[in-house]
N, C-alpha and C. Protein backbone atom coordinates (compact mmCIF):
# COMPACT_ATOMS: atom_id res chain seq x y z
N MET A 1 2.82 13.84 -29.35
CA MET A 1 2.80 12.45 -29.73
C MET A 1 3.93 11.68 -29.05
N LYS A 2 5.09 12.31 -28.99
CA LYS A 2 6.23 11.66 -28.34
C LYS A 2 5.95 11.43 -26.87
N ARG A 3 5.30 12.44 -26.24
CA ARG A 3 4.99 12.32 -24.81
C ARG A 3 4.00 11.17 -24.58
N LEU A 4 3.00 11.05 -25.47
CA LEU A 4 2.02 9.97 -25.35
C LEU A 4 2.69 8.61 -25.51
N SER A 5 3.62 8.51 -26.45
CA SER A 5 4.34 7.25 -26.67
C SER A 5 5.17 6.89 -25.45
N ALA A 6 5.80 7.88 -24.84
CA ALA A 6 6.61 7.62 -23.64
C ALA A 6 5.74 7.13 -22.49
N ILE A 7 4.57 7.73 -22.35
CA ILE A 7 3.65 7.30 -21.30
C ILE A 7 3.21 5.86 -21.54
N CYS A 8 2.87 5.54 -22.79
CA CYS A 8 2.44 4.19 -23.12
C CYS A 8 3.54 3.17 -22.85
N MET A 9 4.78 3.52 -23.21
CA MET A 9 5.90 2.62 -22.98
C MET A 9 6.12 2.40 -21.48
N THR A 10 6.00 3.48 -20.70
CA THR A 10 6.15 3.36 -19.25
C THR A 10 5.10 2.42 -18.68
N LEU A 11 3.85 2.57 -19.13
CA LEU A 11 2.77 1.74 -18.64
C LEU A 11 2.97 0.28 -19.03
N LEU A 12 3.39 0.05 -20.26
CA LEU A 12 3.64 -1.32 -20.71
C LEU A 12 4.77 -1.96 -19.92
N PHE A 13 5.82 -1.18 -19.64
CA PHE A 13 6.93 -1.68 -18.85
C PHE A 13 6.47 -2.07 -17.45
N ALA A 14 5.63 -1.23 -16.88
CA ALA A 14 5.12 -1.51 -15.54
C ALA A 14 4.24 -2.75 -15.52
N LEU A 15 3.37 -2.88 -16.53
CA LEU A 15 2.50 -4.05 -16.60
C LEU A 15 3.32 -5.32 -16.77
N PHE A 16 4.35 -5.26 -17.60
CA PHE A 16 5.22 -6.41 -17.80
C PHE A 16 5.93 -6.79 -16.51
N ALA A 17 6.41 -5.79 -15.78
CA ALA A 17 7.12 -6.06 -14.53
C ALA A 17 6.22 -6.72 -13.51
N LEU A 18 4.95 -6.31 -13.47
CA LEU A 18 4.03 -6.85 -12.49
C LEU A 18 3.45 -8.19 -12.90
N SER A 19 3.43 -8.50 -14.19
CA SER A 19 2.74 -9.68 -14.66
C SER A 19 3.40 -10.97 -14.22
N GLY A 20 4.71 -10.90 -13.86
CA GLY A 20 5.41 -12.11 -13.46
C GLY A 20 5.46 -12.34 -11.98
N CYS A 21 4.68 -11.58 -11.20
CA CYS A 21 4.78 -11.65 -9.75
C CYS A 21 4.56 -13.04 -9.19
N ALA A 22 3.60 -13.77 -9.76
CA ALA A 22 3.22 -15.04 -9.15
C ALA A 22 4.22 -16.14 -9.43
N THR A 23 5.09 -15.98 -10.42
CA THR A 23 5.96 -17.07 -10.83
C THR A 23 7.43 -16.84 -10.53
N GLN A 24 7.84 -15.64 -10.26
CA GLN A 24 9.24 -15.36 -10.07
C GLN A 24 9.68 -15.69 -8.65
N GLN A 25 10.96 -15.99 -8.52
CA GLN A 25 11.53 -16.36 -7.23
C GLN A 25 11.98 -15.12 -6.46
N GLY A 26 12.35 -15.33 -5.19
CA GLY A 26 12.91 -14.25 -4.39
C GLY A 26 11.93 -13.55 -3.49
N TRP A 27 10.71 -14.08 -3.37
CA TRP A 27 9.72 -13.45 -2.51
C TRP A 27 10.01 -13.72 -1.05
N VAL A 28 9.79 -12.71 -0.21
CA VAL A 28 9.90 -12.84 1.24
C VAL A 28 8.51 -12.61 1.82
N THR A 29 7.99 -13.61 2.55
CA THR A 29 6.65 -13.51 3.13
C THR A 29 6.74 -12.89 4.51
N LEU A 30 6.04 -11.79 4.73
CA LEU A 30 6.03 -11.09 6.01
C LEU A 30 4.74 -11.31 6.77
N ILE A 31 3.65 -11.59 6.06
CA ILE A 31 2.39 -11.99 6.69
C ILE A 31 1.82 -13.11 5.84
N ASP A 32 1.43 -14.19 6.49
CA ASP A 32 0.82 -15.32 5.81
C ASP A 32 -0.16 -15.96 6.78
N GLY A 33 -1.45 -15.72 6.61
CA GLY A 33 -2.42 -16.22 7.56
C GLY A 33 -2.26 -15.53 8.90
N GLU A 34 -2.10 -16.30 9.95
CA GLU A 34 -2.00 -15.73 11.29
C GLU A 34 -0.56 -15.45 11.71
N LYS A 35 0.40 -15.72 10.84
CA LYS A 35 1.80 -15.49 11.17
C LYS A 35 2.26 -14.16 10.62
N GLY A 36 3.24 -13.56 11.29
CA GLY A 36 3.83 -12.38 10.68
C GLY A 36 4.12 -11.22 11.59
N LEU A 37 3.53 -11.13 12.77
CA LEU A 37 3.78 -9.97 13.62
C LEU A 37 5.22 -9.87 14.09
N ASP A 38 5.92 -10.99 14.14
CA ASP A 38 7.33 -10.95 14.55
C ASP A 38 8.20 -10.23 13.52
N ASN A 39 7.69 -10.06 12.32
CA ASN A 39 8.47 -9.39 11.26
C ASN A 39 8.31 -7.88 11.26
N TRP A 40 7.56 -7.35 12.24
CA TRP A 40 7.19 -5.94 12.21
C TRP A 40 7.48 -5.24 13.54
N ASN A 41 7.75 -3.96 13.44
CA ASN A 41 7.76 -3.08 14.61
C ASN A 41 6.42 -2.34 14.65
N ARG A 42 5.90 -2.14 15.85
CA ARG A 42 4.61 -1.47 16.00
C ARG A 42 4.81 -0.02 16.43
N ILE A 43 4.08 0.87 15.77
CA ILE A 43 4.06 2.30 16.14
C ILE A 43 2.61 2.71 16.30
N GLY A 44 2.31 3.46 17.36
CA GLY A 44 0.95 3.90 17.60
C GLY A 44 0.19 2.93 18.48
N ASP A 45 -1.12 3.16 18.61
CA ASP A 45 -1.91 2.38 19.56
C ASP A 45 -2.91 1.44 18.90
N ALA A 46 -2.77 1.17 17.62
CA ALA A 46 -3.69 0.24 16.95
C ALA A 46 -3.55 -1.16 17.58
N ASN A 47 -4.67 -1.87 17.68
CA ASN A 47 -4.70 -3.16 18.37
C ASN A 47 -4.44 -4.33 17.41
N TRP A 48 -3.28 -4.33 16.79
CA TRP A 48 -2.91 -5.39 15.85
C TRP A 48 -2.90 -6.74 16.55
N ARG A 49 -3.51 -7.74 15.89
CA ARG A 49 -3.47 -9.10 16.42
C ARG A 49 -3.81 -10.07 15.31
N ALA A 50 -3.49 -11.36 15.56
CA ALA A 50 -3.87 -12.43 14.64
C ALA A 50 -5.29 -12.85 14.94
N GLN A 51 -6.12 -12.94 13.88
CA GLN A 51 -7.51 -13.30 14.08
C GLN A 51 -8.09 -13.83 12.78
N GLY A 52 -8.66 -15.02 12.83
CA GLY A 52 -9.35 -15.56 11.67
C GLY A 52 -8.50 -15.71 10.42
N GLY A 53 -7.24 -16.04 10.58
CA GLY A 53 -6.36 -16.22 9.44
C GLY A 53 -5.77 -14.95 8.87
N SER A 54 -5.90 -13.83 9.60
CA SER A 54 -5.37 -12.55 9.13
C SER A 54 -4.74 -11.79 10.29
N ILE A 55 -4.00 -10.74 9.96
CA ILE A 55 -3.55 -9.76 10.94
C ILE A 55 -4.53 -8.59 10.86
N VAL A 56 -5.13 -8.25 12.00
CA VAL A 56 -6.28 -7.34 12.03
C VAL A 56 -6.02 -6.18 12.98
N ALA A 57 -6.54 -4.99 12.65
CA ALA A 57 -6.63 -3.86 13.57
C ALA A 57 -7.98 -3.20 13.37
N ASP A 58 -8.65 -2.86 14.49
CA ASP A 58 -9.95 -2.19 14.39
C ASP A 58 -10.23 -1.20 15.52
N GLN A 59 -9.23 -0.95 16.36
CA GLN A 59 -9.40 0.00 17.45
C GLN A 59 -8.12 0.81 17.63
N GLY A 60 -8.27 2.02 18.18
CA GLY A 60 -7.13 2.88 18.43
C GLY A 60 -7.21 4.14 17.60
N LYS A 61 -6.42 5.13 18.01
CA LYS A 61 -6.36 6.39 17.27
C LYS A 61 -5.61 6.25 15.95
N GLY A 62 -4.78 5.22 15.87
CA GLY A 62 -4.03 4.99 14.64
C GLY A 62 -2.71 4.32 14.93
N GLY A 63 -2.23 3.56 13.99
CA GLY A 63 -0.95 2.89 14.19
C GLY A 63 -0.48 2.19 12.93
N TYR A 64 0.74 1.68 13.02
CA TYR A 64 1.41 1.07 11.87
C TYR A 64 2.14 -0.19 12.28
N LEU A 65 2.22 -1.10 11.33
CA LEU A 65 3.20 -2.18 11.37
C LEU A 65 4.30 -1.79 10.40
N VAL A 66 5.53 -1.64 10.91
CA VAL A 66 6.65 -1.16 10.10
C VAL A 66 7.64 -2.30 9.89
N SER A 67 7.99 -2.56 8.64
CA SER A 67 8.92 -3.65 8.35
C SER A 67 10.27 -3.41 9.02
N LYS A 68 10.88 -4.48 9.51
CA LYS A 68 12.16 -4.35 10.19
C LYS A 68 13.31 -4.09 9.22
N ASN A 69 13.10 -4.43 7.96
CA ASN A 69 14.13 -4.20 6.94
C ASN A 69 13.77 -3.02 6.06
N SER A 70 14.79 -2.42 5.47
CA SER A 70 14.64 -1.31 4.55
C SER A 70 14.74 -1.84 3.12
N TYR A 71 14.01 -1.19 2.20
CA TYR A 71 14.00 -1.64 0.81
C TYR A 71 14.13 -0.44 -0.12
N LYS A 72 14.80 -0.68 -1.24
CA LYS A 72 15.00 0.38 -2.24
C LYS A 72 14.14 0.12 -3.47
N ASP A 73 14.43 -0.94 -4.19
CA ASP A 73 13.67 -1.34 -5.38
C ASP A 73 12.99 -2.67 -5.09
N PHE A 74 11.70 -2.80 -5.42
CA PHE A 74 10.96 -3.97 -4.96
C PHE A 74 9.60 -4.06 -5.64
N VAL A 75 8.98 -5.22 -5.45
CA VAL A 75 7.56 -5.41 -5.73
C VAL A 75 6.92 -5.91 -4.44
N ILE A 76 5.81 -5.31 -4.03
CA ILE A 76 5.02 -5.77 -2.89
C ILE A 76 3.73 -6.39 -3.42
N TYR A 77 3.38 -7.56 -2.84
CA TYR A 77 2.09 -8.17 -3.11
C TYR A 77 1.35 -8.27 -1.79
N ALA A 78 0.12 -7.76 -1.71
CA ALA A 78 -0.64 -7.77 -0.46
C ALA A 78 -2.09 -8.12 -0.73
N GLU A 79 -2.65 -8.96 0.16
CA GLU A 79 -4.07 -9.27 0.15
C GLU A 79 -4.69 -8.65 1.38
N PHE A 80 -5.74 -7.83 1.20
CA PHE A 80 -6.31 -7.10 2.32
C PHE A 80 -7.83 -7.03 2.22
N TRP A 81 -8.45 -6.83 3.37
CA TRP A 81 -9.90 -6.66 3.46
C TRP A 81 -10.16 -5.36 4.21
N ALA A 82 -11.07 -4.56 3.68
CA ALA A 82 -11.38 -3.26 4.29
C ALA A 82 -12.88 -3.00 4.20
N GLU A 83 -13.37 -2.18 5.12
CA GLU A 83 -14.73 -1.66 5.03
C GLU A 83 -14.72 -0.39 4.18
N THR A 84 -15.90 0.09 3.81
CA THR A 84 -15.99 1.32 3.03
C THR A 84 -15.37 2.50 3.78
N ASP A 85 -15.51 2.50 5.13
CA ASP A 85 -14.98 3.62 5.92
C ASP A 85 -13.61 3.35 6.52
N THR A 86 -12.96 2.25 6.12
CA THR A 86 -11.61 1.98 6.59
C THR A 86 -10.63 2.99 6.02
N ASN A 87 -9.75 3.49 6.88
CA ASN A 87 -8.64 4.36 6.46
C ASN A 87 -7.35 3.58 6.69
N SER A 88 -6.74 3.15 5.60
CA SER A 88 -5.52 2.35 5.70
C SER A 88 -4.64 2.66 4.50
N GLY A 89 -3.59 1.89 4.34
CA GLY A 89 -2.71 2.07 3.21
C GLY A 89 -1.39 1.36 3.45
N ILE A 90 -0.57 1.38 2.41
CA ILE A 90 0.79 0.85 2.49
C ILE A 90 1.73 2.02 2.22
N PHE A 91 2.56 2.34 3.19
CA PHE A 91 3.53 3.42 3.06
C PHE A 91 4.87 2.81 2.69
N ILE A 92 5.43 3.23 1.57
CA ILE A 92 6.69 2.65 1.10
C ILE A 92 7.82 3.67 1.17
N ARG A 93 9.04 3.14 1.31
CA ARG A 93 10.26 3.94 1.36
C ARG A 93 10.20 5.04 2.42
N ALA A 94 9.77 4.67 3.61
CA ALA A 94 9.67 5.64 4.71
C ALA A 94 11.05 6.12 5.12
N SER A 95 11.22 7.43 5.23
CA SER A 95 12.52 7.99 5.60
C SER A 95 12.72 8.05 7.10
N ASP A 96 11.64 7.88 7.88
CA ASP A 96 11.73 7.85 9.34
C ASP A 96 10.86 6.70 9.83
N ALA A 97 11.50 5.61 10.26
CA ALA A 97 10.77 4.40 10.66
C ALA A 97 9.97 4.60 11.94
N ASN A 98 10.21 5.67 12.65
CA ASN A 98 9.51 5.92 13.91
C ASN A 98 8.38 6.94 13.78
N LYS A 99 8.24 7.51 12.59
CA LYS A 99 7.19 8.52 12.36
C LYS A 99 6.75 8.41 10.91
N ILE A 100 5.79 7.55 10.69
CA ILE A 100 5.33 7.28 9.33
C ILE A 100 4.27 8.30 8.92
N GLY A 101 4.39 8.79 7.69
CA GLY A 101 3.39 9.73 7.18
C GLY A 101 3.60 9.99 5.70
N ALA A 102 2.60 10.60 5.06
CA ALA A 102 2.69 10.89 3.63
C ALA A 102 3.72 11.96 3.32
N ASP A 103 4.22 12.66 4.36
CA ASP A 103 5.25 13.67 4.14
C ASP A 103 6.66 13.10 4.17
N ASN A 104 6.81 11.83 4.56
CA ASN A 104 8.15 11.23 4.56
C ASN A 104 8.15 9.81 3.99
N ALA A 105 7.10 9.47 3.25
CA ALA A 105 6.99 8.18 2.58
C ALA A 105 5.98 8.31 1.46
N TYR A 106 5.91 7.31 0.60
CA TYR A 106 4.86 7.26 -0.43
C TYR A 106 3.70 6.44 0.12
N GLU A 107 2.53 7.07 0.23
CA GLU A 107 1.35 6.40 0.78
C GLU A 107 0.47 5.89 -0.35
N VAL A 108 0.43 4.57 -0.51
CA VAL A 108 -0.49 3.94 -1.44
C VAL A 108 -1.79 3.73 -0.66
N ASN A 109 -2.81 4.48 -0.99
CA ASN A 109 -3.95 4.65 -0.10
C ASN A 109 -5.00 3.55 -0.22
N ILE A 110 -5.68 3.33 0.93
CA ILE A 110 -6.90 2.50 1.01
C ILE A 110 -7.89 3.34 1.81
N TRP A 111 -8.78 4.02 1.13
CA TRP A 111 -9.76 4.86 1.83
C TRP A 111 -10.82 5.28 0.82
N ASP A 112 -11.91 4.50 0.75
CA ASP A 112 -12.95 4.73 -0.25
C ASP A 112 -13.68 6.05 -0.07
N ILE A 113 -13.74 6.55 1.16
CA ILE A 113 -14.50 7.79 1.42
C ILE A 113 -13.57 8.91 1.89
N ARG A 114 -12.35 8.93 1.38
CA ARG A 114 -11.43 10.00 1.74
C ARG A 114 -12.05 11.36 1.40
N PRO A 115 -12.01 12.35 2.32
CA PRO A 115 -12.62 13.65 2.05
C PRO A 115 -12.13 14.31 0.76
N ASP A 116 -10.83 14.17 0.45
CA ASP A 116 -10.31 14.64 -0.84
C ASP A 116 -10.14 13.41 -1.71
N PRO A 117 -11.11 13.07 -2.55
CA PRO A 117 -11.12 11.77 -3.22
C PRO A 117 -10.03 11.56 -4.25
N ILE A 118 -9.38 12.61 -4.71
CA ILE A 118 -8.36 12.41 -5.75
C ILE A 118 -7.19 11.57 -5.25
N TYR A 119 -7.01 11.51 -3.93
CA TYR A 119 -5.97 10.65 -3.38
C TYR A 119 -6.59 9.54 -2.53
N GLY A 120 -7.76 9.06 -2.96
CA GLY A 120 -8.42 7.95 -2.29
C GLY A 120 -7.80 6.62 -2.69
N THR A 121 -8.56 5.56 -2.55
CA THR A 121 -8.08 4.21 -2.82
C THR A 121 -7.45 4.12 -4.21
N GLY A 122 -6.25 3.53 -4.26
CA GLY A 122 -5.54 3.35 -5.52
C GLY A 122 -4.55 4.44 -5.85
N ALA A 123 -4.60 5.56 -5.12
CA ALA A 123 -3.70 6.69 -5.39
C ALA A 123 -2.42 6.58 -4.58
N ILE A 124 -1.42 7.36 -4.96
CA ILE A 124 -0.25 7.63 -4.13
C ILE A 124 -0.43 9.06 -3.64
N VAL A 125 -0.65 9.23 -2.36
CA VAL A 125 -1.06 10.52 -1.81
C VAL A 125 -0.04 11.61 -2.13
N ASP A 126 -0.54 12.71 -2.66
CA ASP A 126 0.26 13.89 -3.02
C ASP A 126 1.23 13.66 -4.18
N VAL A 127 1.13 12.49 -4.81
CA VAL A 127 2.03 12.17 -5.93
C VAL A 127 1.26 11.79 -7.18
N ALA A 128 0.31 10.87 -7.06
CA ALA A 128 -0.41 10.36 -8.22
C ALA A 128 -1.88 10.21 -7.88
N ALA A 129 -2.74 10.97 -8.55
CA ALA A 129 -4.17 11.01 -8.26
C ALA A 129 -4.91 9.94 -9.05
N VAL A 130 -6.12 9.61 -8.55
CA VAL A 130 -7.02 8.70 -9.25
C VAL A 130 -8.22 9.50 -9.77
N PRO A 131 -8.98 8.92 -10.70
CA PRO A 131 -10.12 9.65 -11.27
C PRO A 131 -11.20 9.98 -10.23
N VAL A 132 -11.84 11.09 -10.43
CA VAL A 132 -12.99 11.50 -9.64
C VAL A 132 -14.14 11.78 -10.62
N PRO A 133 -15.36 11.27 -10.41
CA PRO A 133 -15.83 10.50 -9.26
C PRO A 133 -15.04 9.21 -9.07
N ILE A 134 -15.12 8.68 -7.84
CA ILE A 134 -14.35 7.52 -7.44
C ILE A 134 -14.62 6.34 -8.36
N VAL A 135 -13.55 5.75 -8.84
CA VAL A 135 -13.63 4.55 -9.69
C VAL A 135 -13.24 3.31 -8.91
N TYR A 136 -12.19 3.43 -8.09
CA TYR A 136 -11.62 2.28 -7.40
C TYR A 136 -12.13 2.22 -5.96
N LYS A 137 -12.86 1.15 -5.64
CA LYS A 137 -13.37 0.96 -4.29
C LYS A 137 -13.09 -0.47 -3.84
N VAL A 138 -12.86 -0.63 -2.53
CA VAL A 138 -12.46 -1.94 -2.02
C VAL A 138 -13.31 -2.40 -0.84
N GLY A 139 -14.25 -1.58 -0.37
CA GLY A 139 -14.97 -1.86 0.85
C GLY A 139 -15.80 -3.13 0.79
N GLY A 140 -15.69 -3.94 1.87
CA GLY A 140 -16.54 -5.11 2.04
C GLY A 140 -16.09 -6.36 1.35
N ARG A 141 -14.83 -6.43 0.90
CA ARG A 141 -14.36 -7.65 0.22
C ARG A 141 -12.84 -7.75 0.31
N TRP A 142 -12.32 -8.91 -0.08
CA TRP A 142 -10.88 -9.10 -0.18
C TRP A 142 -10.37 -8.49 -1.48
N ASN A 143 -9.18 -7.89 -1.40
CA ASN A 143 -8.57 -7.20 -2.53
C ASN A 143 -7.08 -7.53 -2.58
N THR A 144 -6.47 -7.20 -3.72
CA THR A 144 -5.03 -7.35 -3.84
C THR A 144 -4.41 -6.03 -4.29
N TYR A 145 -3.24 -5.75 -3.73
CA TYR A 145 -2.38 -4.66 -4.19
C TYR A 145 -1.08 -5.26 -4.69
N GLU A 146 -0.60 -4.76 -5.82
CA GLU A 146 0.76 -5.01 -6.29
C GLU A 146 1.40 -3.65 -6.48
N ILE A 147 2.50 -3.43 -5.79
CA ILE A 147 3.18 -2.13 -5.83
C ILE A 147 4.59 -2.35 -6.33
N TYR A 148 4.90 -1.71 -7.44
CA TYR A 148 6.21 -1.83 -8.09
C TYR A 148 6.96 -0.52 -7.91
N ALA A 149 8.19 -0.61 -7.40
CA ALA A 149 9.02 0.59 -7.23
C ALA A 149 10.44 0.27 -7.66
N LYS A 150 10.93 0.99 -8.65
CA LYS A 150 12.32 0.83 -9.11
C LYS A 150 12.83 2.20 -9.50
N GLY A 151 13.82 2.69 -8.74
CA GLY A 151 14.27 4.04 -8.96
C GLY A 151 13.12 5.01 -8.72
N ALA A 152 12.94 5.94 -9.63
CA ALA A 152 11.85 6.91 -9.49
C ALA A 152 10.51 6.37 -10.00
N GLN A 153 10.54 5.21 -10.64
CA GLN A 153 9.33 4.66 -11.25
C GLN A 153 8.50 3.89 -10.22
N MET A 154 7.20 4.22 -10.13
CA MET A 154 6.28 3.49 -9.25
C MET A 154 5.00 3.19 -9.99
N THR A 155 4.48 1.98 -9.79
CA THR A 155 3.22 1.56 -10.39
C THR A 155 2.39 0.87 -9.32
N VAL A 156 1.11 1.19 -9.27
CA VAL A 156 0.18 0.57 -8.33
C VAL A 156 -0.87 -0.19 -9.12
N LYS A 157 -1.08 -1.45 -8.72
CA LYS A 157 -2.05 -2.31 -9.39
C LYS A 157 -3.02 -2.81 -8.33
N LEU A 158 -4.32 -2.52 -8.48
CA LEU A 158 -5.35 -2.90 -7.53
C LEU A 158 -6.29 -3.91 -8.20
N ASN A 159 -6.36 -5.11 -7.62
CA ASN A 159 -7.23 -6.15 -8.17
C ASN A 159 -7.01 -6.35 -9.67
N GLY A 160 -5.74 -6.30 -10.06
CA GLY A 160 -5.38 -6.57 -11.45
C GLY A 160 -5.43 -5.38 -12.38
N THR A 161 -5.84 -4.21 -11.88
CA THR A 161 -5.94 -3.01 -12.71
C THR A 161 -4.93 -1.96 -12.27
N VAL A 162 -4.17 -1.43 -13.20
CA VAL A 162 -3.23 -0.36 -12.87
C VAL A 162 -4.02 0.91 -12.56
N THR A 163 -3.83 1.44 -11.35
CA THR A 163 -4.55 2.66 -10.95
C THR A 163 -3.70 3.91 -11.17
N VAL A 164 -2.41 3.85 -10.91
CA VAL A 164 -1.53 4.99 -11.14
C VAL A 164 -0.14 4.52 -11.56
N VAL A 165 0.50 5.35 -12.36
CA VAL A 165 1.91 5.21 -12.71
C VAL A 165 2.56 6.55 -12.41
N ALA A 166 3.67 6.54 -11.68
CA ALA A 166 4.25 7.81 -11.24
C ALA A 166 5.77 7.78 -11.35
N GLN A 167 6.33 8.97 -11.47
CA GLN A 167 7.77 9.19 -11.41
C GLN A 167 8.04 10.18 -10.29
N ASP A 168 8.78 9.77 -9.27
CA ASP A 168 9.10 10.66 -8.16
C ASP A 168 10.31 10.09 -7.43
N SER A 169 11.22 10.95 -7.04
CA SER A 169 12.47 10.48 -6.43
C SER A 169 12.73 11.07 -5.04
N LYS A 170 11.69 11.61 -4.40
CA LYS A 170 11.91 12.23 -3.08
C LYS A 170 12.42 11.22 -2.06
N PHE A 171 11.86 10.02 -2.08
CA PHE A 171 12.19 9.03 -1.06
C PHE A 171 12.78 7.80 -1.75
N PRO A 172 14.10 7.64 -1.70
CA PRO A 172 14.75 6.58 -2.47
C PRO A 172 14.71 5.20 -1.84
N ALA A 173 14.59 5.12 -0.52
CA ALA A 173 14.65 3.81 0.15
C ALA A 173 14.12 3.95 1.56
N GLY A 174 13.78 2.82 2.16
CA GLY A 174 13.33 2.81 3.54
C GLY A 174 12.41 1.64 3.80
N PRO A 175 12.00 1.44 5.05
CA PRO A 175 11.05 0.38 5.35
C PRO A 175 9.68 0.71 4.78
N PHE A 176 8.78 -0.27 4.77
CA PHE A 176 7.40 0.02 4.41
C PHE A 176 6.50 -0.31 5.59
N ALA A 177 5.30 0.26 5.57
CA ALA A 177 4.42 0.15 6.74
C ALA A 177 2.99 -0.09 6.31
N LEU A 178 2.27 -0.84 7.14
CA LEU A 178 0.84 -1.09 6.97
C LEU A 178 0.10 -0.24 7.99
N GLN A 179 -0.96 0.42 7.58
CA GLN A 179 -1.62 1.42 8.41
C GLN A 179 -3.00 0.99 8.90
N PHE A 180 -3.32 1.36 10.14
CA PHE A 180 -4.70 1.48 10.60
C PHE A 180 -4.87 2.92 11.01
N GLY A 181 -5.72 3.67 10.29
CA GLY A 181 -5.82 5.10 10.53
C GLY A 181 -7.18 5.51 11.05
N ALA A 182 -7.24 6.73 11.54
CA ALA A 182 -8.51 7.30 11.99
C ALA A 182 -9.42 7.53 10.80
N GLY A 183 -10.72 7.48 11.05
CA GLY A 183 -11.69 7.70 9.99
C GLY A 183 -11.94 9.18 9.76
N VAL A 184 -13.03 9.48 9.07
CA VAL A 184 -13.39 10.86 8.76
C VAL A 184 -13.60 11.64 10.06
N LYS A 185 -13.01 12.83 10.14
CA LYS A 185 -13.08 13.71 11.31
C LYS A 185 -12.59 13.03 12.59
N GLY A 186 -11.65 12.11 12.43
CA GLY A 186 -11.00 11.50 13.58
C GLY A 186 -11.75 10.36 14.24
N VAL A 187 -12.95 10.04 13.77
CA VAL A 187 -13.68 8.93 14.38
C VAL A 187 -13.05 7.60 13.97
N THR A 188 -13.32 6.55 14.74
CA THR A 188 -12.78 5.24 14.41
C THR A 188 -13.44 4.72 13.15
N GLY A 189 -12.63 4.39 12.17
CA GLY A 189 -13.14 3.83 10.92
C GLY A 189 -13.25 2.33 11.00
N GLY A 190 -13.51 1.70 9.87
CA GLY A 190 -13.65 0.26 9.81
C GLY A 190 -12.33 -0.46 9.97
N PRO A 191 -12.37 -1.77 10.15
CA PRO A 191 -11.16 -2.56 10.35
C PRO A 191 -10.35 -2.72 9.07
N ILE A 192 -9.09 -3.09 9.24
CA ILE A 192 -8.23 -3.51 8.13
C ILE A 192 -7.70 -4.90 8.48
N LYS A 193 -7.72 -5.78 7.49
CA LYS A 193 -7.22 -7.14 7.66
C LYS A 193 -6.19 -7.41 6.57
N TRP A 194 -5.05 -7.95 6.96
CA TRP A 194 -4.00 -8.32 6.01
C TRP A 194 -3.86 -9.84 6.04
N ARG A 195 -4.18 -10.49 4.94
CA ARG A 195 -4.13 -11.96 4.88
C ARG A 195 -2.78 -12.46 4.37
N LYS A 196 -2.18 -11.69 3.48
CA LYS A 196 -0.86 -12.04 2.95
C LYS A 196 -0.13 -10.75 2.56
N VAL A 197 1.14 -10.66 2.94
CA VAL A 197 1.99 -9.56 2.51
C VAL A 197 3.35 -10.14 2.17
N GLU A 198 3.79 -9.94 0.93
CA GLU A 198 5.08 -10.44 0.45
C GLU A 198 5.82 -9.31 -0.24
N ILE A 199 7.14 -9.39 -0.22
CA ILE A 199 7.97 -8.41 -0.93
C ILE A 199 9.07 -9.14 -1.68
N ARG A 200 9.38 -8.66 -2.85
CA ARG A 200 10.49 -9.21 -3.65
C ARG A 200 11.43 -8.08 -4.00
N PRO A 201 12.61 -8.03 -3.41
CA PRO A 201 13.59 -7.01 -3.80
C PRO A 201 13.99 -7.18 -5.25
N LEU A 202 14.21 -6.05 -5.92
CA LEU A 202 14.61 -6.07 -7.34
C LEU A 202 16.10 -5.76 -7.48
């Protein structure tokens, strides 16, 4: 019973922290419409460019936009569009800005058809799983992510719904990155579009 109460309190705390995102001050906009590539370092061969009011990638073996600044405690707000076969995500607290991966950062996933679905869309790969069969899907429409990280506490909110709450302290701080990844069995997956990306340090 005590464990259940602690989980409920953690979830309520996370929901409260995220509920004020739209009204609180201190937000830094890194992508807004067609602006924003100057705020990022590029890794890999993805063809990132401004197109149709968004930052888009749809070709290449894979690549990342990596924030030029490092962050410890923060809330990220992102608006994105993906296809069902898009492999993307937001990697937070990367420990190596030149080699982004789920083994040195927390990967908040965007991949509706991930071969191992427990870490599909809405999950934190290798840290916090989502329900199977797949509940959270984003393909073919605009979506929002809110990612809260303070100390070991992390909460992911997709389109207004909390998908995972996790406690993990492997990676305490670092830049964050936006991904365009290879699809299933290495084939090119669908595009990823980022219409708005903001961060608020805590």
